[in-house]
Amino acid sequence: MDCAIRGIPCFLCGWFVTPVAGYGEQFVKYGAAQALQSPLDIAGIPEMLQGFEVTPEVQRKLWNPIEAAGLESLLGGS
């Protein structure tokens, strides 16, 4: 997520990701990363970089500072 917030392309190695949590799929679904399905896909990264951009819209969706009232509510203040 840190890479996406900073606009740095991220590639997830699907053969390392545990499918139970589904985090990798969510990053790909929301445009924060691209998935590699096998080690053979690594050779195609230069071509993938040409068409892959973390847009400002994706960055805004990933990073939203919490407002004081929301934080207080989360911490049990009201």
Protein backbone atom coordinates (compact mmCIF):
# COMPACT_ATOMS: atom_id res chain seq x y z
CA MET A 1 0.00 0.00 0.00
CA ASP A 2 2.88 2.36 0.78
CA CYS A 3 4.16 2.04 -2.80
CA ALA A 4 0.74 2.77 -4.28
CA ILE A 5 0.29 5.85 -2.07
CA ARG A 6 3.63 7.14 -3.35
CA GLY A 7 2.80 6.30 -6.99
CA ILE A 8 5.36 3.50 -7.22
CA PRO A 9 4.25 0.54 -9.35
CA CYS A 10 3.87 -2.63 -7.32
CA PHE A 11 3.82 -6.20 -8.60
CA LEU A 12 2.47 -8.98 -6.40
CA CYS A 13 3.94 -12.45 -6.79
CA GLY A 14 0.79 -14.56 -6.76
CA TRP A 15 2.70 -17.76 -6.03
CA PHE A 16 3.77 -16.29 -2.66
CA VAL A 17 0.39 -14.89 -1.63
CA THR A 18 -1.93 -16.83 0.61
CA PRO A 19 -5.37 -16.83 -1.01
CA VAL A 20 -7.17 -17.01 2.36
CA ALA A 21 -6.78 -13.32 3.22
CA GLY A 22 -7.44 -11.99 -0.28
CA TYR A 23 -5.33 -8.87 0.23
CA GLY A 24 -3.43 -9.30 -3.02
CA GLU A 25 -6.62 -9.62 -5.02
CA GLN A 26 -7.95 -6.43 -3.44
CA PHE A 27 -4.80 -4.46 -4.29
CA VAL A 28 -5.08 -5.59 -7.91
CA LYS A 29 -8.86 -5.00 -8.04
CA TYR A 30 -8.50 -1.40 -6.85
CA GLY A 31 -5.56 -0.56 -9.11
CA ALA A 32 -2.87 -0.41 -6.43
CA ALA A 33 -0.86 -3.30 -7.88
CA GLN A 34 -0.54 -5.74 -10.73
CA ALA A 35 -0.44 -9.49 -10.24
CA LEU A 36 2.23 -11.83 -11.46
CA GLN A 37 0.93 -15.39 -11.69
CA SER A 38 4.24 -17.20 -12.09
CA PRO A 39 7.98 -16.50 -12.01
CA LEU A 40 7.89 -16.44 -15.81
CA ASP A 41 5.83 -13.21 -15.65
CA ILE A 42 8.83 -11.35 -14.14
CA ALA A 43 10.38 -11.07 -17.61
CA GLY A 44 7.32 -9.10 -18.75
CA ILE A 45 7.57 -6.40 -16.08
CA PRO A 46 9.20 -3.81 -18.39
CA GLU A 47 6.24 -4.06 -20.77
CA MET A 48 3.75 -3.99 -17.88
CA LEU A 49 5.36 -0.81 -16.56
CA GLN A 50 4.55 0.99 -19.80
CA GLY A 51 0.81 0.57 -19.27
CA PHE A 52 0.58 0.61 -15.48
CA GLU A 53 0.10 3.74 -13.43
CA VAL A 54 -1.16 4.27 -9.92
CA THR A 55 -3.61 7.09 -10.54
CA PRO A 56 -4.20 10.00 -8.16
CA GLU A 57 -7.73 8.65 -7.64
CA VAL A 58 -6.37 5.31 -6.42
CA GLN A 59 -3.92 7.14 -4.17
CA ARG A 60 -6.73 9.22 -2.61
CA LYS A 61 -8.80 6.10 -1.95
CA LEU A 62 -5.88 4.48 -0.12
CA TRP A 63 -4.99 7.44 2.07
CA ASN A 64 -7.63 9.35 3.98
CA PRO A 65 -6.66 10.99 7.27
CA ILE A 66 -9.19 10.33 10.00
CA GLU A 67 -11.11 13.25 11.44
CA ALA A 68 -10.93 13.94 15.18
CA ALA A 69 -14.53 12.81 15.83
CA GLY A 70 -13.95 9.54 14.00
CA LEU A 71 -10.79 8.83 15.94
CA GLU A 72 -12.49 9.61 19.23
CA SER A 73 -15.32 7.26 18.31
CA LEU A 74 -12.89 4.48 17.42
CA LEU A 75 -11.06 4.91 20.69
CA GLY A 76 -14.30 4.64 22.63
CA GLY A 77 -14.77 8.29 23.49
CA SER A 78 -18.35 8.56 22.24
